[in-house]
Amino acid sequence: MISERYFAAWAQRDPDAIVALHSEDTRFWTQLGTGPVIGREAVRAAIAELFERFPEFSFETYRVLYGGSHWVLDWALISGDIRFDCLDVVDVSPDGLVARKDTFVDMVQLQASLPGLDVRAEQAQSKIAGAVSQ
């Protein structure tokens, strides 16, 4: 089952193993006010950046709900003293690869975990970076 391999690749913090399970035209979207990252190489870069930002990245799974061509993962991101809840909606392509991954973050917990983080400034910087890279 792809979800088990996918969770294992995330647990190993291996961007290459993670994107190997994504389709070429995959979409990875952390719903923080920015747009999606599209394509395997761009997704790999976004995942590598996530691991840099959270060097002790791990996760706790609360539950996984499976459908015919998708799953929903209810989980917590943990990195040292940082912890906040997330919800992933993952679509699987007909060839069995991750076609789209949307991550929704509990913003109240995120702000509490990272009190110095200005989410609006982060959003603006991400939008600027996205516009410059296009």
N, C-alpha and C. Protein backbone atom coordinates (compact mmCIF):
# COMPACT_ATOMS: atom_id res chain seq x y z
N MET A 1 0.84 -1.18 0.00
CA MET A 1 0.00 0.00 0.00
C MET A 1 0.89 1.25 0.00
N ILE A 2 0.62 2.19 -0.90
CA ILE A 2 1.48 3.37 -1.04
C ILE A 2 1.51 4.20 0.23
N SER A 3 0.42 4.28 0.97
CA SER A 3 0.41 5.12 2.17
C SER A 3 1.45 4.65 3.17
N GLU A 4 1.62 3.37 3.35
CA GLU A 4 2.60 2.86 4.31
C GLU A 4 4.02 3.21 3.89
N ARG A 5 4.31 3.08 2.59
CA ARG A 5 5.64 3.47 2.09
C ARG A 5 5.84 4.98 2.22
N TYR A 6 4.77 5.74 1.98
CA TYR A 6 4.82 7.20 2.06
C TYR A 6 5.09 7.63 3.50
N PHE A 7 4.37 7.06 4.45
CA PHE A 7 4.60 7.41 5.86
C PHE A 7 6.02 7.04 6.28
N ALA A 8 6.52 5.90 5.82
CA ALA A 8 7.89 5.48 6.17
C ALA A 8 8.92 6.44 5.60
N ALA A 9 8.72 6.92 4.37
CA ALA A 9 9.66 7.87 3.76
C ALA A 9 9.67 9.18 4.55
N TRP A 10 8.49 9.64 4.99
CA TRP A 10 8.42 10.86 5.82
C TRP A 10 9.11 10.62 7.16
N ALA A 11 8.90 9.45 7.76
CA ALA A 11 9.53 9.15 9.05
C ALA A 11 11.05 9.13 8.93
N GLN A 12 11.56 8.73 7.76
CA GLN A 12 13.00 8.71 7.52
C GLN A 12 13.54 10.08 7.11
N ARG A 13 12.65 11.04 6.90
CA ARG A 13 13.02 12.41 6.48
C ARG A 13 13.85 12.36 5.19
N ASP A 14 13.34 11.64 4.23
CA ASP A 14 14.07 11.43 2.98
C ASP A 14 13.29 12.05 1.80
N PRO A 15 13.63 13.30 1.42
CA PRO A 15 12.89 13.96 0.33
C PRO A 15 12.89 13.16 -0.97
N ASP A 16 14.00 12.49 -1.28
CA ASP A 16 14.06 11.71 -2.52
C ASP A 16 13.09 10.53 -2.49
N ALA A 17 13.04 9.83 -1.37
CA ALA A 17 12.11 8.70 -1.24
C ALA A 17 10.66 9.18 -1.27
N ILE A 18 10.41 10.35 -0.68
CA ILE A 18 9.06 10.90 -0.66
C ILE A 18 8.60 11.23 -2.07
N VAL A 19 9.41 12.00 -2.80
CA VAL A 19 8.97 12.42 -4.15
C VAL A 19 8.97 11.28 -5.14
N ALA A 20 9.70 10.22 -4.87
CA ALA A 20 9.64 9.04 -5.74
C ALA A 20 8.24 8.43 -5.73
N LEU A 21 7.47 8.74 -4.71
CA LEU A 21 6.10 8.24 -4.59
C LEU A 21 5.07 9.24 -5.11
N HIS A 22 5.54 10.34 -5.69
CA HIS A 22 4.67 11.37 -6.28
C HIS A 22 4.68 11.26 -7.80
N SER A 23 3.58 11.63 -8.41
CA SER A 23 3.50 11.69 -9.88
C SER A 23 4.35 12.87 -10.37
N GLU A 24 4.70 12.85 -11.66
CA GLU A 24 5.51 13.92 -12.24
C GLU A 24 4.83 15.29 -12.09
N ASP A 25 3.52 15.34 -12.25
CA ASP A 25 2.79 16.61 -12.20
C ASP A 25 2.11 16.85 -10.85
N THR A 26 2.66 16.27 -9.82
CA THR A 26 2.10 16.33 -8.48
C THR A 26 1.89 17.76 -7.98
N ARG A 27 0.93 17.91 -7.08
CA ARG A 27 0.67 19.20 -6.40
C ARG A 27 0.84 18.98 -4.90
N PHE A 28 1.60 19.86 -4.27
CA PHE A 28 1.84 19.81 -2.82
C PHE A 28 1.47 21.18 -2.29
N TRP A 29 0.46 21.22 -1.44
CA TRP A 29 -0.07 22.53 -1.04
C TRP A 29 -0.25 22.57 0.46
N THR A 30 0.60 23.35 1.13
CA THR A 30 0.41 23.63 2.55
C THR A 30 -0.46 24.87 2.61
N GLN A 31 -1.64 24.71 3.09
CA GLN A 31 -2.67 25.76 3.03
C GLN A 31 -2.38 26.85 4.07
N LEU A 32 -1.40 27.68 3.76
CA LEU A 32 -1.01 28.79 4.65
C LEU A 32 -1.13 30.13 3.93
N GLY A 33 -1.98 30.20 2.94
CA GLY A 33 -2.17 31.45 2.22
C GLY A 33 -1.31 31.59 0.98
N THR A 34 -0.55 30.56 0.66
CA THR A 34 0.26 30.56 -0.55
C THR A 34 -0.33 29.54 -1.51
N GLY A 35 0.15 29.54 -2.72
CA GLY A 35 -0.33 28.60 -3.71
C GLY A 35 0.37 27.26 -3.61
N PRO A 36 -0.03 26.31 -4.45
CA PRO A 36 0.58 24.98 -4.43
C PRO A 36 1.96 24.98 -5.10
N VAL A 37 2.73 23.99 -4.73
CA VAL A 37 4.00 23.69 -5.38
C VAL A 37 3.68 22.58 -6.37
N ILE A 38 4.11 22.75 -7.62
CA ILE A 38 3.73 21.80 -8.67
C ILE A 38 4.97 21.18 -9.30
N GLY A 39 4.94 19.87 -9.45
CA GLY A 39 6.03 19.13 -10.09
C GLY A 39 6.95 18.49 -9.06
N ARG A 40 7.50 17.35 -9.43
CA ARG A 40 8.33 16.57 -8.50
C ARG A 40 9.52 17.35 -7.94
N GLU A 41 10.25 18.03 -8.79
CA GLU A 41 11.45 18.74 -8.31
C GLU A 41 11.09 19.87 -7.36
N ALA A 42 10.04 20.61 -7.67
CA ALA A 42 9.60 21.70 -6.79
C ALA A 42 9.09 21.14 -5.46
N VAL A 43 8.40 20.02 -5.51
CA VAL A 43 7.92 19.39 -4.27
C VAL A 43 9.10 18.90 -3.45
N ARG A 44 10.11 18.32 -4.10
CA ARG A 44 11.29 17.88 -3.37
C ARG A 44 11.94 19.04 -2.64
N ALA A 45 12.07 20.18 -3.32
CA ALA A 45 12.68 21.37 -2.70
C ALA A 45 11.84 21.85 -1.51
N ALA A 46 10.53 21.84 -1.64
CA ALA A 46 9.65 22.28 -0.55
C ALA A 46 9.77 21.35 0.66
N ILE A 47 9.87 20.06 0.41
CA ILE A 47 10.00 19.09 1.50
C ILE A 47 11.36 19.24 2.18
N ALA A 48 12.42 19.42 1.40
CA ALA A 48 13.75 19.63 1.97
C ALA A 48 13.76 20.89 2.84
N GLU A 49 13.08 21.94 2.39
CA GLU A 49 12.99 23.17 3.17
C GLU A 49 12.24 22.93 4.48
N LEU A 50 11.20 22.13 4.43
CA LEU A 50 10.44 21.79 5.64
C LEU A 50 11.35 21.09 6.65
N PHE A 51 12.17 20.16 6.20
CA PHE A 51 13.07 19.45 7.11
C PHE A 51 14.16 20.37 7.64
N GLU A 52 14.57 21.37 6.87
CA GLU A 52 15.54 22.37 7.36
C GLU A 52 14.90 23.23 8.44
N ARG A 53 13.65 23.63 8.20
CA ARG A 53 12.94 24.49 9.16
C ARG A 53 12.65 23.74 10.46
N PHE A 54 12.37 22.44 10.35
CA PHE A 54 12.07 21.60 11.51
C PHE A 54 13.06 20.45 11.56
N PRO A 55 14.30 20.72 12.04
CA PRO A 55 15.36 19.72 11.96
C PRO A 55 15.11 18.44 12.77
N GLU A 56 14.25 18.50 13.76
CA GLU A 56 13.93 17.31 14.54
C GLU A 56 12.56 16.76 14.13
N PHE A 57 12.19 17.00 12.87
CA PHE A 57 10.87 16.61 12.37
C PHE A 57 10.52 15.17 12.70
N SER A 58 9.36 15.01 13.28
CA SER A 58 8.73 13.71 13.44
C SER A 58 7.23 13.97 13.43
N PHE A 59 6.46 12.92 13.52
CA PHE A 59 5.02 13.13 13.53
C PHE A 59 4.34 12.06 14.36
N GLU A 60 3.17 12.42 14.84
CA GLU A 60 2.31 11.48 15.54
C GLU A 60 1.03 11.36 14.73
N THR A 61 0.68 10.15 14.40
CA THR A 61 -0.55 9.90 13.65
C THR A 61 -1.70 9.68 14.62
N TYR A 62 -2.75 10.47 14.43
CA TYR A 62 -3.96 10.27 15.23
C TYR A 62 -4.87 9.24 14.55
N ARG A 63 -5.07 9.39 13.24
CA ARG A 63 -5.91 8.46 12.50
C ARG A 63 -5.69 8.66 11.01
N VAL A 64 -6.00 7.62 10.25
CA VAL A 64 -5.95 7.65 8.79
C VAL A 64 -7.28 7.12 8.29
N LEU A 65 -7.91 7.88 7.40
CA LEU A 65 -9.17 7.47 6.80
C LEU A 65 -8.92 7.21 5.32
N TYR A 66 -9.25 6.01 4.85
CA TYR A 66 -8.97 5.63 3.48
C TYR A 66 -10.22 5.63 2.62
N GLY A 67 -10.06 6.10 1.37
CA GLY A 67 -11.09 6.02 0.35
C GLY A 67 -10.53 5.27 -0.84
N GLY A 68 -11.30 5.18 -1.90
CA GLY A 68 -10.88 4.43 -3.08
C GLY A 68 -9.59 4.93 -3.69
N SER A 69 -9.41 6.21 -3.83
CA SER A 69 -8.19 6.77 -4.45
C SER A 69 -7.65 7.94 -3.63
N HIS A 70 -7.83 7.87 -2.32
CA HIS A 70 -7.31 8.94 -1.47
C HIS A 70 -7.21 8.46 -0.02
N TRP A 71 -6.50 9.25 0.78
CA TRP A 71 -6.55 9.05 2.21
C TRP A 71 -6.52 10.41 2.88
N VAL A 72 -7.00 10.44 4.12
CA VAL A 72 -6.96 11.63 4.96
C VAL A 72 -6.16 11.26 6.20
N LEU A 73 -5.13 12.03 6.47
CA LEU A 73 -4.25 11.78 7.60
C LEU A 73 -4.42 12.90 8.62
N ASP A 74 -4.80 12.53 9.83
CA ASP A 74 -4.94 13.44 10.95
C ASP A 74 -3.70 13.23 11.81
N TRP A 75 -2.84 14.27 11.93
CA TRP A 75 -1.53 14.07 12.53
C TRP A 75 -1.03 15.32 13.22
N ALA A 76 0.08 15.19 13.95
CA ALA A 76 0.76 16.32 14.58
C ALA A 76 2.20 16.36 14.10
N LEU A 77 2.66 17.57 13.71
CA LEU A 77 4.07 17.79 13.41
C LEU A 77 4.76 18.06 14.73
N ILE A 78 5.89 17.38 14.95
CA ILE A 78 6.66 17.54 16.18
C ILE A 78 8.11 17.79 15.79
N SER A 79 8.71 18.79 16.41
CA SER A 79 10.14 19.06 16.23
C SER A 79 10.64 19.74 17.49
N GLY A 80 11.29 18.98 18.35
CA GLY A 80 11.71 19.52 19.64
C GLY A 80 10.50 19.92 20.46
N ASP A 81 10.45 21.19 20.89
CA ASP A 81 9.31 21.70 21.68
C ASP A 81 8.15 22.16 20.80
N ILE A 82 8.32 22.11 19.50
CA ILE A 82 7.28 22.56 18.57
C ILE A 82 6.33 21.41 18.29
N ARG A 83 5.04 21.73 18.36
CA ARG A 83 4.03 20.71 18.06
C ARG A 83 2.77 21.43 17.62
N PHE A 84 2.23 21.01 16.46
CA PHE A 84 0.93 21.53 16.02
C PHE A 84 0.25 20.49 15.14
N ASP A 85 -1.07 20.52 15.16
CA ASP A 85 -1.87 19.54 14.44
C ASP A 85 -2.02 19.93 12.97
N CYS A 86 -2.12 18.90 12.15
CA CYS A 86 -2.29 19.07 10.71
C CYS A 86 -3.30 18.03 10.21
N LEU A 87 -3.83 18.30 9.05
CA LEU A 87 -4.72 17.36 8.38
C LEU A 87 -4.31 17.32 6.91
N ASP A 88 -3.97 16.14 6.41
CA ASP A 88 -3.59 15.96 5.01
C ASP A 88 -4.72 15.29 4.25
N VAL A 89 -4.98 15.79 3.06
CA VAL A 89 -5.87 15.13 2.12
C VAL A 89 -4.99 14.75 0.93
N VAL A 90 -4.88 13.46 0.67
CA VAL A 90 -3.94 12.96 -0.34
C VAL A 90 -4.72 12.20 -1.42
N ASP A 91 -4.57 12.66 -2.67
CA ASP A 91 -5.17 11.98 -3.82
C ASP A 91 -4.12 11.10 -4.48
N VAL A 92 -4.53 9.89 -4.81
CA VAL A 92 -3.64 8.93 -5.45
C VAL A 92 -4.04 8.80 -6.92
N SER A 93 -3.06 8.87 -7.80
CA SER A 93 -3.31 8.78 -9.24
C SER A 93 -3.67 7.34 -9.62
N PRO A 94 -4.23 7.14 -10.83
CA PRO A 94 -4.56 5.78 -11.28
C PRO A 94 -3.35 4.84 -11.30
N ASP A 95 -2.13 5.40 -11.47
CA ASP A 95 -0.94 4.55 -11.47
C ASP A 95 -0.36 4.34 -10.07
N GLY A 96 -1.09 4.78 -9.03
CA GLY A 96 -0.71 4.47 -7.66
C GLY A 96 0.26 5.43 -7.01
N LEU A 97 0.45 6.62 -7.58
CA LEU A 97 1.36 7.61 -7.00
C LEU A 97 0.57 8.77 -6.40
N VAL A 98 1.22 9.51 -5.52
CA VAL A 98 0.57 10.68 -4.93
C VAL A 98 0.45 11.75 -6.01
N ALA A 99 -0.78 12.12 -6.33
CA ALA A 99 -1.03 13.14 -7.34
C ALA A 99 -1.20 14.52 -6.72
N ARG A 100 -1.70 14.54 -5.49
CA ARG A 100 -1.94 15.82 -4.82
C ARG A 100 -1.93 15.58 -3.31
N LYS A 101 -1.28 16.51 -2.60
CA LYS A 101 -1.27 16.47 -1.13
C LYS A 101 -1.55 17.87 -0.63
N ASP A 102 -2.68 18.02 0.04
CA ASP A 102 -3.05 19.28 0.68
C ASP A 102 -2.89 19.12 2.18
N THR A 103 -2.18 20.05 2.81
CA THR A 103 -1.98 20.01 4.25
C THR A 103 -2.62 21.25 4.86
N PHE A 104 -3.50 21.01 5.82
CA PHE A 104 -4.17 22.08 6.55
C PHE A 104 -3.59 22.11 7.96
N VAL A 105 -3.18 23.29 8.41
CA VAL A 105 -2.46 23.46 9.68
C VAL A 105 -3.35 24.17 10.69
N ASP A 106 -3.31 23.72 11.94
CA ASP A 106 -4.00 24.41 13.02
C ASP A 106 -3.20 25.68 13.33
N MET A 107 -3.68 26.81 12.83
CA MET A 107 -2.92 28.07 12.93
C MET A 107 -2.77 28.55 14.38
N VAL A 108 -3.73 28.30 15.23
CA VAL A 108 -3.62 28.70 16.64
C VAL A 108 -2.48 27.94 17.29
N GLN A 109 -2.40 26.63 17.05
CA GLN A 109 -1.31 25.84 17.61
C GLN A 109 0.03 26.22 16.99
N LEU A 110 0.05 26.51 15.70
CA LEU A 110 1.29 26.93 15.04
C LEU A 110 1.83 28.20 15.67
N GLN A 111 0.97 29.21 15.84
CA GLN A 111 1.38 30.48 16.46
C GLN A 111 1.86 30.26 17.89
N ALA A 112 1.18 29.38 18.64
CA ALA A 112 1.57 29.11 20.03
C ALA A 112 2.92 28.39 20.08
N SER A 113 3.18 27.52 19.12
CA SER A 113 4.44 26.77 19.08
C SER A 113 5.61 27.62 18.62
N LEU A 114 5.32 28.61 17.78
CA LEU A 114 6.35 29.48 17.22
C LEU A 114 5.96 30.94 17.48
N PRO A 115 6.05 31.40 18.73
CA PRO A 115 5.54 32.74 19.05
C PRO A 115 6.21 33.87 18.27
N GLY A 116 7.43 33.69 17.80
CA GLY A 116 8.10 34.73 17.03
C GLY A 116 7.72 34.74 15.56
N LEU A 117 6.94 33.76 15.14
CA LEU A 117 6.57 33.64 13.74
C LEU A 117 5.47 34.62 13.39
N ASP A 118 5.70 35.41 12.38
CA ASP A 118 4.67 36.30 11.85
C ASP A 118 4.13 35.62 10.60
N VAL A 119 3.01 34.94 10.77
CA VAL A 119 2.44 34.13 9.68
C VAL A 119 2.16 35.00 8.46
N ARG A 120 1.66 36.21 8.66
CA ARG A 120 1.37 37.09 7.52
C ARG A 120 2.65 37.46 6.76
N ALA A 121 3.73 37.72 7.49
CA ALA A 121 5.00 38.03 6.83
C ALA A 121 5.52 36.82 6.08
N GLU A 122 5.39 35.63 6.68
CA GLU A 122 5.81 34.39 6.02
C GLU A 122 5.01 34.18 4.73
N GLN A 123 3.71 34.45 4.79
CA GLN A 123 2.86 34.30 3.61
C GLN A 123 3.30 35.26 2.52
N ALA A 124 3.55 36.50 2.90
CA ALA A 124 3.96 37.50 1.91
C ALA A 124 5.30 37.12 1.29
N GLN A 125 6.24 36.67 2.11
CA GLN A 125 7.55 36.27 1.60
C GLN A 125 7.41 35.09 0.65
N SER A 126 6.57 34.11 1.01
CA SER A 126 6.37 32.96 0.14
C SER A 126 5.73 33.36 -1.18
N LYS A 127 4.79 34.31 -1.13
CA LYS A 127 4.14 34.77 -2.37
C LYS A 127 5.15 35.49 -3.25
N ILE A 128 6.01 36.30 -2.62
CA ILE A 128 7.04 37.02 -3.39
C ILE A 128 8.01 36.03 -4.00
N ALA A 129 8.46 35.06 -3.19
CA ALA A 129 9.41 34.06 -3.69
C ALA A 129 8.80 33.27 -4.83
N GLY A 130 7.51 32.92 -4.70
CA GLY A 130 6.82 32.19 -5.75
C GLY A 130 6.72 33.00 -7.03
N ALA A 131 6.45 34.30 -6.90
CA ALA A 131 6.33 35.16 -8.07
C ALA A 131 7.68 35.34 -8.75
N VAL A 132 8.75 35.44 -7.95
CA VAL A 132 10.08 35.63 -8.52
C VAL A 132 10.54 34.38 -9.25
N SER A 133 10.18 33.20 -8.73
CA SER A 133 10.67 31.95 -9.34
C SER A 133 9.89 31.56 -10.59
N GLN A 134 8.79 32.25 -10.89
CA GLN A 134 8.00 31.87 -12.06
C GLN A 134 8.54 32.47 -13.33
